[in-house]
Amino acid sequence: MQQLTKQISLIERIDQLVRLHATGTPSELASRLNISKAKLYRVIDVMKELNAPIVYNIASQSFEYEDAVKFKCGFYVKVLAQGDALSINGGAVVMATTVEFLFLQYRISC
């Protein structure tokens, strides 16, 4: 498990540096991360397998993303806006409206 968390931390750090346009050359990046150049390329290959659009820009001598992306790994709580809750058809707001509607429908038919 510790190996997995180290790998995730390394990918998060590379992602941060790529988004900041601060990787430098592969040798500089490997040195900054205290890993070998070969390991750096293995990690970048893993990132590509995870669909990271990462490329090396020779002109700027830095890795960059072809599209705006950010790596996220873990469990996150997503707070839904009221409109989102309604579109999912769950939550107290939708259920209260449905119950109220059914109650009114029942009263009308009596």
N, C-alpha and C. Protein backbone atom coordinates (compact mmCIF):
# COMPACT_ATOMS: atom_id res chain seq x y z
N MET A 1 0.82 -1.19 0.00
CA MET A 1 0.00 0.00 0.00
C MET A 1 0.87 1.26 0.00
N GLN A 2 1.96 1.20 0.73
CA GLN A 2 2.86 2.35 0.80
C GLN A 2 3.43 2.67 -0.58
N GLN A 3 3.70 1.65 -1.37
CA GLN A 3 4.22 1.85 -2.73
C GLN A 3 3.20 2.60 -3.58
N LEU A 4 1.94 2.23 -3.44
CA LEU A 4 0.88 2.89 -4.21
C LEU A 4 0.76 4.37 -3.83
N THR A 5 0.78 4.66 -2.55
CA THR A 5 0.67 6.06 -2.12
C THR A 5 1.88 6.87 -2.56
N LYS A 6 3.06 6.26 -2.60
CA LYS A 6 4.25 6.96 -3.11
C LYS A 6 4.10 7.28 -4.60
N GLN A 7 3.57 6.31 -5.34
CA GLN A 7 3.37 6.50 -6.78
C GLN A 7 2.35 7.61 -7.03
N ILE A 8 1.27 7.62 -6.28
CA ILE A 8 0.25 8.65 -6.42
C ILE A 8 0.83 10.02 -6.08
N SER A 9 1.59 10.09 -5.00
CA SER A 9 2.22 11.36 -4.60
C SER A 9 3.17 11.88 -5.68
N LEU A 10 3.90 10.97 -6.29
CA LEU A 10 4.83 11.34 -7.36
C LEU A 10 4.06 11.88 -8.57
N ILE A 11 2.99 11.22 -8.94
CA ILE A 11 2.17 11.69 -10.06
C ILE A 11 1.56 13.06 -9.73
N GLU A 12 1.10 13.25 -8.51
CA GLU A 12 0.54 14.55 -8.11
C GLU A 12 1.59 15.66 -8.21
N ARG A 13 2.81 15.35 -7.80
CA ARG A 13 3.89 16.35 -7.86
C ARG A 13 4.25 16.68 -9.30
N ILE A 14 4.35 15.67 -10.14
CA ILE A 14 4.64 15.92 -11.56
C ILE A 14 3.51 16.73 -12.19
N ASP A 15 2.28 16.37 -11.87
CA ASP A 15 1.11 17.10 -12.38
C ASP A 15 1.19 18.58 -12.00
N GLN A 16 1.52 18.84 -10.76
CA GLN A 16 1.62 20.23 -10.28
C GLN A 16 2.70 20.99 -11.05
N LEU A 17 3.85 20.38 -11.22
CA LEU A 17 4.94 21.03 -11.94
C LEU A 17 4.61 21.25 -13.41
N VAL A 18 3.91 20.28 -14.01
CA VAL A 18 3.52 20.43 -15.42
C VAL A 18 2.55 21.60 -15.56
N ARG A 19 1.56 21.67 -14.67
CA ARG A 19 0.58 22.77 -14.75
C ARG A 19 1.22 24.13 -14.49
N LEU A 20 2.32 24.16 -13.72
CA LEU A 20 3.04 25.40 -13.45
C LEU A 20 4.08 25.71 -14.53
N HIS A 21 4.20 24.82 -15.52
CA HIS A 21 5.22 24.94 -16.58
C HIS A 21 6.61 25.05 -15.95
N ALA A 22 6.86 24.21 -14.96
CA ALA A 22 8.11 24.30 -14.20
C ALA A 22 8.84 22.97 -14.11
N THR A 23 8.71 22.12 -15.13
CA THR A 23 9.38 20.82 -15.06
C THR A 23 10.84 20.89 -15.47
N GLY A 24 11.14 21.74 -16.42
CA GLY A 24 12.50 21.75 -16.99
C GLY A 24 12.68 20.52 -17.86
N THR A 25 13.91 20.21 -18.16
CA THR A 25 14.22 19.05 -18.99
C THR A 25 13.94 17.76 -18.21
N PRO A 26 13.87 16.63 -18.88
CA PRO A 26 13.67 15.37 -18.16
C PRO A 26 14.75 15.13 -17.09
N SER A 27 15.99 15.45 -17.41
CA SER A 27 17.07 15.27 -16.42
C SER A 27 16.87 16.17 -15.21
N GLU A 28 16.49 17.42 -15.46
CA GLU A 28 16.25 18.36 -14.36
C GLU A 28 15.07 17.92 -13.50
N LEU A 29 14.00 17.46 -14.15
CA LEU A 29 12.82 17.02 -13.41
C LEU A 29 13.14 15.79 -12.57
N ALA A 30 13.84 14.84 -13.15
CA ALA A 30 14.21 13.63 -12.41
C ALA A 30 15.06 14.00 -11.20
N SER A 31 15.99 14.91 -11.39
CA SER A 31 16.85 15.35 -10.29
C SER A 31 16.02 16.06 -9.21
N ARG A 32 15.11 16.91 -9.63
CA ARG A 32 14.25 17.62 -8.68
C ARG A 32 13.41 16.66 -7.85
N LEU A 33 12.94 15.58 -8.48
CA LEU A 33 12.10 14.60 -7.80
C LEU A 33 12.91 13.52 -7.09
N ASN A 34 14.23 13.57 -7.27
CA ASN A 34 15.13 12.60 -6.65
C ASN A 34 14.85 11.16 -7.12
N ILE A 35 14.61 11.04 -8.43
CA ILE A 35 14.39 9.74 -9.06
C ILE A 35 15.26 9.66 -10.31
N SER A 36 15.41 8.46 -10.85
CA SER A 36 16.19 8.32 -12.08
C SER A 36 15.36 8.81 -13.27
N LYS A 37 16.06 9.12 -14.35
CA LYS A 37 15.38 9.53 -15.58
C LYS A 37 14.51 8.40 -16.12
N ALA A 38 14.99 7.16 -15.97
CA ALA A 38 14.21 5.99 -16.42
C ALA A 38 12.91 5.88 -15.63
N LYS A 39 12.99 6.08 -14.32
CA LYS A 39 11.77 6.02 -13.50
C LYS A 39 10.82 7.15 -13.88
N LEU A 40 11.36 8.32 -14.16
CA LEU A 40 10.52 9.44 -14.60
C LEU A 40 9.72 9.06 -15.83
N TYR A 41 10.37 8.46 -16.80
CA TYR A 41 9.67 8.05 -18.02
C TYR A 41 8.65 6.95 -17.75
N ARG A 42 8.93 6.06 -16.81
CA ARG A 42 7.94 5.04 -16.45
C ARG A 42 6.70 5.69 -15.82
N VAL A 43 6.91 6.67 -14.96
CA VAL A 43 5.78 7.37 -14.33
C VAL A 43 4.99 8.15 -15.37
N ILE A 44 5.68 8.79 -16.29
CA ILE A 44 4.99 9.53 -17.37
C ILE A 44 4.20 8.55 -18.24
N ASP A 45 4.72 7.36 -18.48
CA ASP A 45 3.97 6.35 -19.23
C ASP A 45 2.71 5.94 -18.48
N VAL A 46 2.80 5.82 -17.15
CA VAL A 46 1.61 5.51 -16.35
C VAL A 46 0.60 6.65 -16.47
N MET A 47 1.08 7.88 -16.41
CA MET A 47 0.18 9.04 -16.56
C MET A 47 -0.52 9.00 -17.91
N LYS A 48 0.21 8.65 -18.96
CA LYS A 48 -0.39 8.55 -20.29
C LYS A 48 -1.43 7.44 -20.34
N GLU A 49 -1.16 6.32 -19.66
CA GLU A 49 -2.14 5.24 -19.59
C GLU A 49 -3.42 5.69 -18.87
N LEU A 50 -3.28 6.67 -17.98
CA LEU A 50 -4.42 7.24 -17.28
C LEU A 50 -5.04 8.41 -18.06
N ASN A 51 -4.64 8.53 -19.33
CA ASN A 51 -5.16 9.54 -20.26
C ASN A 51 -4.66 10.95 -20.01
N ALA A 52 -3.50 11.10 -19.41
CA ALA A 52 -2.90 12.44 -19.27
C ALA A 52 -2.37 12.86 -20.64
N PRO A 53 -2.79 14.02 -21.14
CA PRO A 53 -2.31 14.48 -22.45
C PRO A 53 -0.94 15.17 -22.33
N ILE A 54 0.03 14.48 -21.76
CA ILE A 54 1.33 15.07 -21.45
C ILE A 54 2.29 14.89 -22.62
N VAL A 55 2.97 15.96 -22.97
CA VAL A 55 3.97 15.95 -24.04
C VAL A 55 5.17 16.78 -23.59
N TYR A 56 6.28 16.58 -24.26
CA TYR A 56 7.47 17.39 -23.97
C TYR A 56 7.59 18.44 -25.04
N ASN A 57 7.67 19.71 -24.62
CA ASN A 57 7.82 20.83 -25.55
C ASN A 57 9.30 21.17 -25.64
N ILE A 58 9.89 20.90 -26.79
CA ILE A 58 11.33 21.13 -26.97
C ILE A 58 11.65 22.62 -26.88
N ALA A 59 10.78 23.47 -27.42
CA ALA A 59 11.04 24.91 -27.42
C ALA A 59 11.13 25.47 -26.00
N SER A 60 10.20 25.07 -25.13
CA SER A 60 10.21 25.58 -23.75
C SER A 60 11.00 24.68 -22.81
N GLN A 61 11.47 23.56 -23.31
CA GLN A 61 12.21 22.56 -22.53
C GLN A 61 11.47 22.23 -21.24
N SER A 62 10.21 21.86 -21.43
CA SER A 62 9.37 21.52 -20.28
C SER A 62 8.25 20.61 -20.74
N PHE A 63 7.80 19.76 -19.83
CA PHE A 63 6.61 18.96 -20.12
C PHE A 63 5.40 19.86 -20.01
N GLU A 64 4.38 19.55 -20.79
CA GLU A 64 3.14 20.33 -20.73
C GLU A 64 1.97 19.44 -21.10
N TYR A 65 0.78 19.91 -20.77
CA TYR A 65 -0.44 19.20 -21.16
C TYR A 65 -0.98 19.83 -22.43
N GLU A 66 -1.45 18.99 -23.35
CA GLU A 66 -2.06 19.49 -24.58
C GLU A 66 -3.44 20.08 -24.30
N ASP A 67 -4.10 19.60 -23.26
CA ASP A 67 -5.40 20.10 -22.84
C ASP A 67 -5.32 20.47 -21.36
N ALA A 68 -6.24 21.31 -20.92
CA ALA A 68 -6.27 21.70 -19.51
C ALA A 68 -6.83 20.54 -18.67
N VAL A 69 -5.98 19.92 -17.88
CA VAL A 69 -6.38 18.80 -17.04
C VAL A 69 -5.72 18.94 -15.67
N LYS A 70 -6.20 18.13 -14.73
CA LYS A 70 -5.60 18.07 -13.40
C LYS A 70 -5.80 16.66 -12.88
N PHE A 71 -4.77 16.09 -12.30
CA PHE A 71 -4.83 14.75 -11.75
C PHE A 71 -5.51 14.80 -10.39
N LYS A 72 -6.46 13.88 -10.17
CA LYS A 72 -7.14 13.77 -8.89
C LYS A 72 -7.29 12.30 -8.55
N CYS A 73 -6.89 11.94 -7.37
CA CYS A 73 -7.02 10.55 -6.95
C CYS A 73 -7.40 10.54 -5.49
N GLY A 74 -8.48 9.85 -5.17
CA GLY A 74 -8.92 9.77 -3.78
C GLY A 74 -10.42 9.79 -3.70
N PHE A 75 -10.92 9.98 -2.51
CA PHE A 75 -12.36 10.03 -2.27
C PHE A 75 -12.73 11.44 -1.87
N TYR A 76 -13.74 11.98 -2.53
CA TYR A 76 -14.13 13.35 -2.31
C TYR A 76 -15.63 13.42 -2.09
N VAL A 77 -16.04 14.32 -1.21
CA VAL A 77 -17.46 14.58 -0.99
C VAL A 77 -17.88 15.64 -1.98
N LYS A 78 -18.93 15.36 -2.71
CA LYS A 78 -19.42 16.32 -3.67
C LYS A 78 -20.70 16.94 -3.12
N VAL A 79 -20.67 18.25 -2.92
CA VAL A 79 -21.84 18.98 -2.44
C VAL A 79 -22.67 19.35 -3.67
N LEU A 80 -23.92 18.92 -3.68
CA LEU A 80 -24.79 19.18 -4.82
C LEU A 80 -25.57 20.47 -4.62
N ALA A 81 -25.68 21.23 -5.68
CA ALA A 81 -26.56 22.39 -5.68
C ALA A 81 -27.99 21.88 -5.77
N GLN A 82 -28.96 22.72 -5.42
CA GLN A 82 -30.36 22.27 -5.43
C GLN A 82 -30.78 21.78 -6.82
N GLY A 83 -30.33 22.47 -7.85
CA GLY A 83 -30.67 22.06 -9.21
C GLY A 83 -30.11 20.69 -9.55
N ASP A 84 -28.91 20.39 -9.06
CA ASP A 84 -28.31 19.08 -9.29
C ASP A 84 -29.11 18.00 -8.59
N ALA A 85 -29.54 18.28 -7.36
CA ALA A 85 -30.33 17.30 -6.60
C ALA A 85 -31.64 17.01 -7.32
N LEU A 86 -32.24 18.02 -7.90
CA LEU A 86 -33.49 17.81 -8.63
C LEU A 86 -33.28 16.96 -9.88
N SER A 87 -32.18 17.19 -10.58
CA SER A 87 -31.94 16.43 -11.80
C SER A 87 -31.61 14.97 -11.52
N ILE A 88 -31.12 14.66 -10.33
CA ILE A 88 -30.81 13.28 -9.96
C ILE A 88 -32.07 12.54 -9.50
N ASN A 89 -33.10 13.26 -9.16
CA ASN A 89 -34.34 12.69 -8.64
C ASN A 89 -34.12 11.99 -7.31
N GLY A 90 -33.39 12.62 -6.47
CA GLY A 90 -33.15 12.10 -5.13
C GLY A 90 -33.05 13.26 -4.17
N GLY A 91 -32.94 12.98 -2.93
CA GLY A 91 -32.78 14.05 -1.96
C GLY A 91 -34.11 14.51 -1.41
N ALA A 92 -34.05 15.27 -0.33
CA ALA A 92 -35.25 15.69 0.39
C ALA A 92 -36.13 16.62 -0.44
N VAL A 93 -35.55 17.49 -1.22
CA VAL A 93 -36.34 18.45 -1.98
C VAL A 93 -37.26 17.74 -2.96
N VAL A 94 -36.73 16.81 -3.71
CA VAL A 94 -37.53 16.09 -4.70
C VAL A 94 -38.57 15.22 -4.01
N MET A 95 -38.17 14.52 -2.97
CA MET A 95 -39.10 13.62 -2.29
C MET A 95 -40.23 14.40 -1.63
N ALA A 96 -39.92 15.55 -1.03
CA ALA A 96 -40.96 16.36 -0.40
C ALA A 96 -41.96 16.85 -1.44
N THR A 97 -41.46 17.28 -2.60
CA THR A 97 -42.35 17.74 -3.67
C THR A 97 -43.22 16.60 -4.18
N THR A 98 -42.64 15.43 -4.36
CA THR A 98 -43.38 14.27 -4.84
C THR A 98 -44.46 13.87 -3.84
N VAL A 99 -44.10 13.81 -2.58
CA VAL A 99 -45.07 13.43 -1.55
C VAL A 99 -46.20 14.45 -1.50
N GLU A 100 -45.85 15.73 -1.56
CA GLU A 100 -46.88 16.78 -1.55
C GLU A 100 -47.80 16.64 -2.75
N PHE A 101 -47.22 16.37 -3.93
CA PHE A 101 -48.02 16.20 -5.14
C PHE A 101 -48.97 15.01 -5.01
N LEU A 102 -48.45 13.89 -4.51
CA LEU A 102 -49.29 12.71 -4.35
C LEU A 102 -50.40 12.97 -3.34
N PHE A 103 -50.06 13.68 -2.29
CA PHE A 103 -51.06 14.00 -1.28
C PHE A 103 -52.16 14.87 -1.87
N LEU A 104 -51.80 15.88 -2.65
CA LEU A 104 -52.79 16.75 -3.28
C LEU A 104 -53.62 15.97 -4.29
N GLN A 105 -52.99 15.09 -5.03
CA GLN A 105 -53.69 14.27 -6.02
C GLN A 105 -54.72 13.38 -5.32
N TYR A 106 -54.34 12.83 -4.19
CA TYR A 106 -55.25 11.97 -3.43
C TYR A 106 -56.43 12.77 -2.91
N ARG A 107 -56.19 13.97 -2.41
CA ARG A 107 -57.26 14.81 -1.87
C ARG A 107 -58.26 15.21 -2.97
N ILE A 108 -57.74 15.47 -4.17
CA ILE A 108 -58.61 15.88 -5.25
C ILE A 108 -59.53 14.73 -5.68
N SER A 109 -58.99 13.54 -5.69
CA SER A 109 -59.79 12.41 -6.17
C SER A 109 -60.79 11.92 -5.13
N CYS A 110 -60.70 12.35 -3.90
CA CYS A 110 -61.61 11.87 -2.88
C CYS A 110 -62.97 12.45 -3.05
